Amino acid sequence: MDRSSLYRVSSTAPQIMSLLALVICAVAWAGIVRDPPGDEGPMAHIYQLIMVGQIPLMVFFLVMVARRGHRKNLPVFGLQIALWISALAAVPILGL
């Protein structure tokens, strides 16, 4: 992979992952998938992996932007952070 494709992946993957985490929260809140008794369930584990997995991608994107000196790409990083926080806040808001 060349640098431009790594840059493109690191700029879009965290946004997609955050939206997927929000979808998982909505599915769990709606009760479409039931958790087994005595366990968090697979939805919670997938959510946790998605939320932790996007942190290295966001850091990589921030390093790439800082190296290139492109301040115009900082709003993309702000969007990544905002989506991550909204996916994180969805759990206590929805009571999951």
PDB file of N, CA and C in Angstrom:
ATOM      1  N   MET A   1       0.845  -1.185   0.000  1.00  0.00           N
ATOM      2  CA  MET A   1       0.000   0.000   0.000  1.00  0.00           C
ATOM      3  C   MET A   1       0.881   1.236   0.000  1.00  0.00           C
ATOM      4  N   ASP A   2       0.515   2.180  -0.822  1.00  0.00           N
ATOM      5  CA  ASP A   2       1.270   3.430  -0.825  1.00  0.00           C
ATOM      6  C   ASP A   2       0.674   4.399   0.197  1.00  0.00           C
ATOM      7  N   ARG A   3       1.331   5.523   0.370  1.00  0.00           N
ATOM      8  CA  ARG A   3       0.928   6.467   1.417  1.00  0.00           C
ATOM      9  C   ARG A   3      -0.446   7.074   1.171  1.00  0.00           C
ATOM     10  N   SER A   4      -0.782   7.316  -0.076  1.00  0.00           N
ATOM     11  CA  SER A   4      -2.079   7.936  -0.340  1.00  0.00           C
ATOM     12  C   SER A   4      -3.236   7.002   0.017  1.00  0.00           C
ATOM     13  N   SER A   5      -3.063   5.714  -0.242  1.00  0.00           N
ATOM     14  CA  SER A   5      -4.135   4.787   0.122  1.00  0.00           C
ATOM     15  C   SER A   5      -4.200   4.588   1.638  1.00  0.00           C
ATOM     16  N   LEU A   6      -3.053   4.593   2.325  1.00  0.00           N
ATOM     17  CA  LEU A   6      -3.062   4.533   3.789  1.00  0.00           C
ATOM     18  C   LEU A   6      -3.718   5.771   4.378  1.00  0.00           C
ATOM     19  N   TYR A   7      -3.446   6.922   3.787  1.00  0.00           N
ATOM     20  CA  TYR A   7      -4.056   8.168   4.241  1.00  0.00           C
ATOM     21  C   TYR A   7      -5.567   8.113   4.055  1.00  0.00           C
ATOM     22  N   ARG A   8      -6.005   7.616   2.908  1.00  0.00           N
ATOM     23  CA  ARG A   8      -7.435   7.531   2.617  1.00  0.00           C
ATOM     24  C   ARG A   8      -8.144   6.575   3.578  1.00  0.00           C
ATOM     25  N   VAL A   9      -7.513   5.440   3.848  1.00  0.00           N
ATOM     26  CA  VAL A   9      -8.106   4.470   4.770  1.00  0.00           C
ATOM     27  C   VAL A   9      -8.166   5.042   6.182  1.00  0.00           C
ATOM     28  N   SER A  10      -7.080   5.693   6.616  1.00  0.00           N
ATOM     29  CA  SER A  10      -7.064   6.224   7.980  1.00  0.00           C
ATOM     30  C   SER A  10      -7.982   7.431   8.142  1.00  0.00           C
ATOM     31  N   SER A  11      -8.398   8.045   7.059  1.00  0.00           N
ATOM     32  CA  SER A  11      -9.323   9.166   7.177  1.00  0.00           C
ATOM     33  C   SER A  11     -10.783   8.724   7.161  1.00  0.00           C
ATOM     34  N   THR A  12     -11.088   7.613   6.501  1.00  0.00           N
ATOM     35  CA  THR A  12     -12.479   7.189   6.406  1.00  0.00           C
ATOM     36  C   THR A  12     -12.858   6.024   7.321  1.00  0.00           C
ATOM     37  N   ALA A  13     -11.922   5.144   7.618  1.00  0.00           N
ATOM     38  CA  ALA A  13     -12.245   3.956   8.420  1.00  0.00           C
ATOM     39  C   ALA A  13     -12.764   4.298   9.819  1.00  0.00           C
ATOM     40  N   PRO A  14     -12.162   5.259  10.553  1.00  0.00           N
ATOM     41  CA  PRO A  14     -12.716   5.566  11.875  1.00  0.00           C
ATOM     42  C   PRO A  14     -14.144   6.110  11.817  1.00  0.00           C
ATOM     43  N   GLN A  15     -14.462   6.851  10.793  1.00  0.00           N
ATOM     44  CA  GLN A  15     -15.818   7.374  10.662  1.00  0.00           C
ATOM     45  C   GLN A  15     -16.811   6.235  10.428  1.00  0.00           C
ATOM     46  N   ILE A  16     -16.445   5.306   9.570  1.00  0.00           N
ATOM     47  CA  ILE A  16     -17.310   4.167   9.300  1.00  0.00           C
ATOM     48  C   ILE A  16     -17.446   3.288  10.538  1.00  0.00           C
ATOM     49  N   MET A  17     -16.347   3.115  11.252  1.00  0.00           N
ATOM     50  CA  MET A  17     -16.388   2.288  12.461  1.00  0.00           C
ATOM     51  C   MET A  17     -17.263   2.923  13.539  1.00  0.00           C
ATOM     52  N   SER A  18     -17.212   4.250  13.677  1.00  0.00           N
ATOM     53  CA  SER A  18     -18.059   4.923  14.660  1.00  0.00           C
ATOM     54  C   SER A  18     -19.526   4.796  14.290  1.00  0.00           C
ATOM     55  N   LEU A  19     -19.831   4.949  13.025  1.00  0.00           N
ATOM     56  CA  LEU A  19     -21.218   4.783  12.591  1.00  0.00           C
ATOM     57  C   LEU A  19     -21.699   3.346  12.802  1.00  0.00           C
ATOM     58  N   LEU A  20     -20.809   2.388  12.593  1.00  0.00           N
ATOM     59  CA  LEU A  20     -21.156   0.991  12.855  1.00  0.00           C
ATOM     60  C   LEU A  20     -21.400   0.767  14.341  1.00  0.00           C
ATOM     61  N   ALA A  21     -20.612   1.408  15.185  1.00  0.00           N
ATOM     62  CA  ALA A  21     -20.831   1.299  16.630  1.00  0.00           C
ATOM     63  C   ALA A  21     -22.171   1.905  17.026  1.00  0.00           C
ATOM     64  N   LEU A  22     -22.554   3.001  16.392  1.00  0.00           N
ATOM     65  CA  LEU A  22     -23.870   3.591  16.657  1.00  0.00           C
ATOM     66  C   LEU A  22     -24.997   2.664  16.204  1.00  0.00           C
ATOM     67  N   VAL A  23     -24.807   1.985  15.093  1.00  0.00           N
ATOM     68  CA  VAL A  23     -25.800   1.025  14.615  1.00  0.00           C
ATOM     69  C   VAL A  23     -25.913  -0.138  15.595  1.00  0.00           C
ATOM     70  N   ILE A  24     -24.787  -0.595  16.111  1.00  0.00           N
ATOM     71  CA  ILE A  24     -24.812  -1.677  17.095  1.00  0.00           C
ATOM     72  C   ILE A  24     -25.571  -1.237  18.339  1.00  0.00           C
ATOM     73  N   CYS A  25     -25.358   0.001  18.772  1.00  0.00           N
ATOM     74  CA  CYS A  25     -26.096   0.511  19.933  1.00  0.00           C
ATOM     75  C   CYS A  25     -27.590   0.570  19.649  1.00  0.00           C
ATOM     76  N   ALA A  26     -27.959   1.006  18.454  1.00  0.00           N
ATOM     77  CA  ALA A  26     -29.375   1.090  18.101  1.00  0.00           C
ATOM     78  C   ALA A  26     -30.018  -0.291  18.037  1.00  0.00           C
ATOM     79  N   VAL A  27     -29.303  -1.263  17.498  1.00  0.00           N
ATOM     80  CA  VAL A  27     -29.824  -2.629  17.419  1.00  0.00           C
ATOM     81  C   VAL A  27     -29.979  -3.217  18.815  1.00  0.00           C
ATOM     82  N   ALA A  28     -29.002  -2.974  19.674  1.00  0.00           N
ATOM     83  CA  ALA A  28     -29.092  -3.489  21.048  1.00  0.00           C
ATOM     84  C   ALA A  28     -30.214  -2.808  21.819  1.00  0.00           C
ATOM     85  N   TRP A  29     -30.385  -1.515  21.605  1.00  0.00           N
ATOM     86  CA  TRP A  29     -31.447  -0.777  22.296  1.00  0.00           C
ATOM     87  C   TRP A  29     -32.827  -1.231  21.833  1.00  0.00           C
ATOM     88  N   ALA A  30     -32.950  -1.512  20.533  1.00  0.00           N
ATOM     89  CA  ALA A  30     -34.237  -1.953  19.992  1.00  0.00           C
ATOM     90  C   ALA A  30     -34.570  -3.377  20.412  1.00  0.00           C
ATOM     91  N   GLY A  31     -33.595  -4.117  20.909  1.00  0.00           N
ATOM     92  CA  GLY A  31     -33.846  -5.476  21.348  1.00  0.00           C
ATOM     93  C   GLY A  31     -33.912  -6.485  20.230  1.00  0.00           C
ATOM     94  N   ILE A  32     -33.352  -6.159  19.102  1.00  0.00           N
ATOM     95  CA  ILE A  32     -33.371  -7.080  17.967  1.00  0.00           C
ATOM     96  C   ILE A  32     -32.525  -8.310  18.267  1.00  0.00           C
ATOM     97  N   VAL A  33     -31.375  -8.090  18.921  1.00  0.00           N
ATOM     98  CA  VAL A  33     -30.493  -9.191  19.314  1.00  0.00           C
ATOM     99  C   VAL A  33     -30.507  -9.276  20.833  1.00  0.00           C
ATOM    100  N   ARG A  34     -30.825 -10.432  21.344  1.00  0.00           N
ATOM    101  CA  ARG A  34     -30.892 -10.640  22.792  1.00  0.00           C
ATOM    102  C   ARG A  34     -29.556 -11.154  23.310  1.00  0.00           C
ATOM    103  N   ASP A  35     -29.144 -10.644  24.473  1.00  0.00           N
ATOM    104  CA  ASP A  35     -27.915 -11.107  25.105  1.00  0.00           C
ATOM    105  C   ASP A  35     -28.181 -12.390  25.872  1.00  0.00           C
ATOM    106  N   PRO A  36     -27.206 -13.304  25.872  1.00  0.00           N
ATOM    107  CA  PRO A  36     -27.391 -14.510  26.685  1.00  0.00           C
ATOM    108  C   PRO A  36     -27.339 -14.159  28.166  1.00  0.00           C
ATOM    109  N   PRO A  37     -28.033 -14.892  28.997  1.00  0.00           N
ATOM    110  CA  PRO A  37     -28.036 -14.569  30.427  1.00  0.00           C
ATOM    111  C   PRO A  37     -26.651 -14.756  31.041  1.00  0.00           C
ATOM    112  N   GLY A  38     -26.264 -13.785  31.871  1.00  0.00           N
ATOM    113  CA  GLY A  38     -24.993 -13.861  32.573  1.00  0.00           C
ATOM    114  C   GLY A  38     -23.796 -13.380  31.775  1.00  0.00           C
ATOM    115  N   ASP A  39     -24.011 -12.803  30.605  1.00  0.00           N
ATOM    116  CA  ASP A  39     -22.904 -12.335  29.784  1.00  0.00           C
ATOM    117  C   ASP A  39     -23.296 -11.024  29.124  1.00  0.00           C
ATOM    118  N   GLU A  40     -22.289 -10.257  28.731  1.00  0.00           N
ATOM    119  CA  GLU A  40     -22.566  -9.010  28.014  1.00  0.00           C
ATOM    120  C   GLU A  40     -23.165  -9.279  26.642  1.00  0.00           C
ATOM    121  N   GLY A  41     -22.741 -10.334  26.016  1.00  0.00           N
ATOM    122  CA  GLY A  41     -23.250 -10.680  24.703  1.00  0.00           C
ATOM    123  C   GLY A  41     -22.290 -10.282  23.596  1.00  0.00           C
ATOM    124  N   PRO A  42     -22.521 -10.828  22.422  1.00  0.00           N
ATOM    125  CA  PRO A  42     -21.614 -10.560  21.309  1.00  0.00           C
ATOM    126  C   PRO A  42     -21.674  -9.119  20.811  1.00  0.00           C
ATOM    127  N   MET A  43     -22.824  -8.481  20.916  1.00  0.00           N
ATOM    128  CA  MET A  43     -22.934  -7.096  20.452  1.00  0.00           C
ATOM    129  C   MET A  43     -22.031  -6.172  21.267  1.00  0.00           C
ATOM    130  N   ALA A  44     -21.974  -6.381  22.571  1.00  0.00           N
ATOM    131  CA  ALA A  44     -21.122  -5.551  23.419  1.00  0.00           C
ATOM    132  C   ALA A  44     -19.647  -5.778  23.108  1.00  0.00           C
ATOM    133  N   HIS A  45     -19.282  -7.019  22.841  1.00  0.00           N
ATOM    134  CA  HIS A  45     -17.888  -7.316  22.539  1.00  0.00           C
ATOM    135  C   HIS A  45     -17.475  -6.716  21.193  1.00  0.00           C
ATOM    136  N   ILE A  46     -18.332  -6.797  20.210  1.00  0.00           N
ATOM    137  CA  ILE A  46     -18.033  -6.200  18.908  1.00  0.00           C
ATOM    138  C   ILE A  46     -17.934  -4.687  19.039  1.00  0.00           C
ATOM    139  N   TYR A  47     -18.845  -4.088  19.794  1.00  0.00           N
ATOM    140  CA  TYR A  47     -18.809  -2.646  20.033  1.00  0.00           C
ATOM    141  C   TYR A  47     -17.485  -2.236  20.669  1.00  0.00           C
ATOM    142  N   GLN A  48     -17.063  -2.973  21.685  1.00  0.00           N
ATOM    143  CA  GLN A  48     -15.820  -2.639  22.373  1.00  0.00           C
ATOM    144  C   GLN A  48     -14.620  -2.759  21.445  1.00  0.00           C
ATOM    145  N   LEU A  49     -14.587  -3.795  20.631  1.00  0.00           N
ATOM    146  CA  LEU A  49     -13.482  -3.963  19.685  1.00  0.00           C
ATOM    147  C   LEU A  49     -13.450  -2.850  18.647  1.00  0.00           C
ATOM    148  N   ILE A  50     -14.610  -2.448  18.172  1.00  0.00           N
ATOM    149  CA  ILE A  50     -14.673  -1.367  17.186  1.00  0.00           C
ATOM    150  C   ILE A  50     -14.199  -0.054  17.794  1.00  0.00           C
ATOM    151  N   MET A  51     -14.646   0.233  19.010  1.00  0.00           N
ATOM    152  CA  MET A  51     -14.283   1.497  19.640  1.00  0.00           C
ATOM    153  C   MET A  51     -12.788   1.581  19.938  1.00  0.00           C
ATOM    154  N   VAL A  52     -12.204   0.496  20.394  1.00  0.00           N
ATOM    155  CA  VAL A  52     -10.771   0.499  20.695  1.00  0.00           C
ATOM    156  C   VAL A  52      -9.954   0.420  19.404  1.00  0.00           C
ATOM    157  N   GLY A  53     -10.454  -0.287  18.408  1.00  0.00           N
ATOM    158  CA  GLY A  53      -9.720  -0.465  17.163  1.00  0.00           C
ATOM    159  C   GLY A  53      -9.564   0.790  16.335  1.00  0.00           C
ATOM    160  N   GLN A  54     -10.437   1.745  16.518  1.00  0.00           N
ATOM    161  CA  GLN A  54     -10.309   2.951  15.703  1.00  0.00           C
ATOM    162  C   GLN A  54      -9.352   3.978  16.293  1.00  0.00           C
ATOM    163  N   ILE A  55      -8.947   3.815  17.541  1.00  0.00           N
ATOM    164  CA  ILE A  55      -8.006   4.765  18.151  1.00  0.00           C
ATOM    165  C   ILE A  55      -6.657   4.773  17.416  1.00  0.00           C
ATOM    166  N   PRO A  56      -6.044   3.609  17.126  1.00  0.00           N
ATOM    167  CA  PRO A  56      -4.776   3.660  16.382  1.00  0.00           C
ATOM    168  C   PRO A  56      -4.925   4.269  14.989  1.00  0.00           C
ATOM    169  N   LEU A  57      -6.071   4.045  14.348  1.00  0.00           N
ATOM    170  CA  LEU A  57      -6.292   4.644  13.030  1.00  0.00           C
ATOM    171  C   LEU A  57      -6.374   6.164  13.116  1.00  0.00           C
ATOM    172  N   MET A  58      -7.036   6.673  14.160  1.00  0.00           N
ATOM    173  CA  MET A  58      -7.127   8.126  14.328  1.00  0.00           C
ATOM    174  C   MET A  58      -5.762   8.729  14.650  1.00  0.00           C
ATOM    175  N   VAL A  59      -4.975   8.037  15.454  1.00  0.00           N
ATOM    176  CA  VAL A  59      -3.629   8.532  15.776  1.00  0.00           C
ATOM    177  C   VAL A  59      -2.762   8.523  14.520  1.00  0.00           C
ATOM    178  N   PHE A  60      -2.849   7.465  13.722  1.00  0.00           N
ATOM    179  CA  PHE A  60      -2.096   7.396  12.475  1.00  0.00           C
ATOM    180  C   PHE A  60      -2.493   8.526  11.537  1.00  0.00           C
ATOM    181  N   PHE A  61      -3.779   8.800  11.431  1.00  0.00           N
ATOM    182  CA  PHE A  61      -4.243   9.897  10.585  1.00  0.00           C
ATOM    183  C   PHE A  61      -3.710  11.238  11.084  1.00  0.00           C
ATOM    184  N   LEU A  62      -3.737  11.441  12.392  1.00  0.00           N
ATOM    185  CA  LEU A  62      -3.235  12.691  12.957  1.00  0.00           C
ATOM    186  C   LEU A  62      -1.746  12.852  12.697  1.00  0.00           C
ATOM    187  N   VAL A  63      -0.983  11.774  12.796  1.00  0.00           N
ATOM    188  CA  VAL A  63       0.454  11.838  12.509  1.00  0.00           C
ATOM    189  C   VAL A  63       0.692  12.150  11.034  1.00  0.00           C
ATOM    190  N   MET A  64      -0.093  11.527  10.165  1.00  0.00           N
ATOM    191  CA  MET A  64       0.052  11.800   8.728  1.00  0.00           C
ATOM    192  C   MET A  64      -0.258  13.262   8.411  1.00  0.00           C
ATOM    193  N   VAL A  65      -1.290  13.810   9.020  1.00  0.00           N
ATOM    194  CA  VAL A  65      -1.653  15.205   8.783  1.00  0.00           C
ATOM    195  C   VAL A  65      -0.575  16.125   9.344  1.00  0.00           C
ATOM    196  N   ALA A  66      -0.037  15.791  10.517  1.00  0.00           N
ATOM    197  CA  ALA A  66       0.996  16.631  11.123  1.00  0.00           C
ATOM    198  C   ALA A  66       2.278  16.597  10.304  1.00  0.00           C
ATOM    199  N   ARG A  67       2.626  15.459   9.762  1.00  0.00           N
ATOM    200  CA  ARG A  67       3.837  15.367   8.932  1.00  0.00           C
ATOM    201  C   ARG A  67       3.703  16.167   7.651  1.00  0.00           C
ATOM    202  N   ARG A  68       2.549  16.096   7.043  1.00  0.00           N
ATOM    203  CA  ARG A  68       2.337  16.809   5.785  1.00  0.00           C
ATOM    204  C   ARG A  68       2.107  18.300   5.992  1.00  0.00           C
ATOM    205  N   GLY A  69       1.701  18.668   7.188  1.00  0.00           N
ATOM    206  CA  GLY A  69       1.430  20.068   7.467  1.00  0.00           C
ATOM    207  C   GLY A  69       0.128  20.562   6.855  1.00  0.00           C
ATOM    208  N   HIS A  70      -0.819  19.675   6.640  1.00  0.00           N
ATOM    209  CA  HIS A  70      -2.099  20.039   6.052  1.00  0.00           C
ATOM    210  C   HIS A  70      -3.101  20.363   7.148  1.00  0.00           C
ATOM    211  N   ARG A  71      -3.247  21.610   7.449  1.00  0.00           N
ATOM    212  CA  ARG A  71      -4.230  22.009   8.450  1.00  0.00           C
ATOM    213  C   ARG A  71      -5.656  21.891   7.920  1.00  0.00           C
ATOM    214  N   LYS A  72      -5.806  21.836   6.615  1.00  0.00           N
ATOM    215  CA  LYS A  72      -7.151  21.740   6.047  1.00  0.00           C
ATOM    216  C   LYS A  72      -7.798  20.398   6.360  1.00  0.00           C
ATOM    217  N   ASN A  73      -7.009  19.404   6.748  1.00  0.00           N
ATOM    218  CA  ASN A  73      -7.547  18.084   7.072  1.00  0.00           C
ATOM    219  C   ASN A  73      -7.887  17.923   8.543  1.00  0.00           C
ATOM    220  N   LEU A  74      -7.656  18.921   9.349  1.00  0.00           N
ATOM    221  CA  LEU A  74      -7.994  18.831  10.764  1.00  0.00           C
ATOM    222  C   LEU A  74      -9.500  18.721  11.015  1.00  0.00           C
ATOM    223  N   PRO A  75     -10.365  19.319  10.199  1.00  0.00           N
ATOM    224  CA  PRO A  75     -11.803  19.069  10.402  1.00  0.00           C
ATOM    225  C   PRO A  75     -12.187  17.597  10.247  1.00  0.00           C
ATOM    226  N   VAL A  76     -11.476  16.856   9.419  1.00  0.00           N
ATOM    227  CA  VAL A  76     -11.737  15.422   9.294  1.00  0.00           C
ATOM    228  C   VAL A  76     -11.419  14.735  10.620  1.00  0.00           C
ATOM    229  N   PHE A  77     -10.307  15.125  11.242  1.00  0.00           N
ATOM    230  CA  PHE A  77      -9.958  14.568  12.552  1.00  0.00           C
ATOM    231  C   PHE A  77     -10.992  14.979  13.594  1.00  0.00           C
ATOM    232  N   GLY A  78     -11.476  16.209  13.523  1.00  0.00           N
ATOM    233  CA  GLY A  78     -12.530  16.653  14.433  1.00  0.00           C
ATOM    234  C   GLY A  78     -13.805  15.846  14.262  1.00  0.00           C
ATOM    235  N   LEU A  79     -14.147  15.518  13.027  1.00  0.00           N
ATOM    236  CA  LEU A  79     -15.315  14.675  12.765  1.00  0.00           C
ATOM    237  C   LEU A  79     -15.113  13.275  13.325  1.00  0.00           C
ATOM    238  N   GLN A  80     -13.904  12.738  13.181  1.00  0.00           N
ATOM    239  CA  GLN A  80     -13.611  11.426  13.742  1.00  0.00           C
ATOM    240  C   GLN A  80     -13.793  11.429  15.254  1.00  0.00           C
ATOM    241  N   ILE A  81     -13.283  12.450  15.910  1.00  0.00           N
ATOM    242  CA  ILE A  81     -13.406  12.556  17.369  1.00  0.00           C
ATOM    243  C   ILE A  81     -14.868  12.725  17.773  1.00  0.00           C
ATOM    244  N   ALA A  82     -15.609  13.565  17.047  1.00  0.00           N
ATOM    245  CA  ALA A  82     -17.015  13.799  17.377  1.00  0.00           C
ATOM    246  C   ALA A  82     -17.839  12.521  17.220  1.00  0.00           C
ATOM    247  N   LEU A  83     -17.596  11.771  16.168  1.00  0.00           N
ATOM    248  CA  LEU A  83     -18.319  10.511  15.977  1.00  0.00           C
ATOM    249  C   LEU A  83     -17.933   9.491  17.034  1.00  0.00           C
ATOM    250  N   TRP A  84     -16.655   9.457  17.418  1.00  0.00           N
ATOM    251  CA  TRP A  84     -16.208   8.523  18.451  1.00  0.00           C
ATOM    252  C   TRP A  84     -16.873   8.843  19.785  1.00  0.00           C
ATOM    253  N   ILE A  85     -16.926  10.125  20.121  1.00  0.00           N
ATOM    254  CA  ILE A  85     -17.561  10.534  21.385  1.00  0.00           C
ATOM    255  C   ILE A  85     -19.059  10.248  21.354  1.00  0.00           C
ATOM    256  N   SER A  86     -19.695  10.478  20.211  1.00  0.00           N
ATOM    257  CA  SER A  86     -21.134  10.205  20.133  1.00  0.00           C
ATOM    258  C   SER A  86     -21.422   8.707  20.255  1.00  0.00           C
ATOM    259  N   ALA A  87     -20.576   7.873  19.675  1.00  0.00           N
ATOM    260  CA  ALA A  87     -20.759   6.426  19.819  1.00  0.00           C
ATOM    261  C   ALA A  87     -20.484   5.988  21.255  1.00  0.00           C
ATOM    262  N   LEU A  88     -19.550   6.644  21.897  1.00  0.00           N
ATOM    263  CA  LEU A  88     -19.245   6.329  23.292  1.00  0.00           C
ATOM    264  C   LEU A  88     -20.374   6.797  24.210  1.00  0.00           C
ATOM    265  N   ALA A  89     -20.958   7.946  23.913  1.00  0.00           N
ATOM    266  CA  ALA A  89     -22.027   8.493  24.745  1.00  0.00           C
ATOM    267  C   ALA A  89     -23.358   7.776  24.536  1.00  0.00           C
ATOM    268  N   ALA A  90     -23.486   7.062  23.440  1.00  0.00           N
ATOM    269  CA  ALA A  90     -24.748   6.365  23.156  1.00  0.00           C
ATOM    270  C   ALA A  90     -25.035   5.272  24.172  1.00  0.00           C
ATOM    271  N   VAL A  91     -24.002   4.676  24.732  1.00  0.00           N
ATOM    272  CA  VAL A  91     -24.215   3.575  25.688  1.00  0.00           C
ATOM    273  C   VAL A  91     -24.939   4.043  26.942  1.00  0.00           C
ATOM    274  N   PRO A  92     -24.452   5.091  27.648  1.00  0.00           N
ATOM    275  CA  PRO A  92     -25.204   5.507  28.844  1.00  0.00           C
ATOM    276  C   PRO A  92     -26.520   6.216  28.519  1.00  0.00           C
ATOM    277  N   ILE A  93     -26.577   6.903  27.375  1.00  0.00           N
ATOM    278  CA  ILE A  93     -27.802   7.593  27.015  1.00  0.00           C
ATOM    279  C   ILE A  93     -28.929   6.602  26.752  1.00  0.00           C
ATOM    280  N   LEU A  94     -28.618   5.519  26.044  1.00  0.00           N
ATOM    281  CA  LEU A  94     -29.625   4.508  25.735  1.00  0.00           C
ATOM    282  C   LEU A  94     -29.801   3.494  26.855  1.00  0.00           C
ATOM    283  N   GLY A  95     -28.969   3.581  27.866  1.00  0.00           N
ATOM    284  CA  GLY A  95     -29.085   2.667  29.004  1.00  0.00           C
ATOM    285  C   GLY A  95     -28.654   1.256  28.700  1.00  0.00           C
ATOM    286  N   LEU A  96     -27.625   1.120  27.896  1.00  0.00           N
ATOM    287  CA  LEU A  96     -27.157  -0.231  27.521  1.00  0.00           C
ATOM    288  C   LEU A  96     -26.125  -0.751  28.467  1.00  0.00           C
TER     289      LEU A  96
END
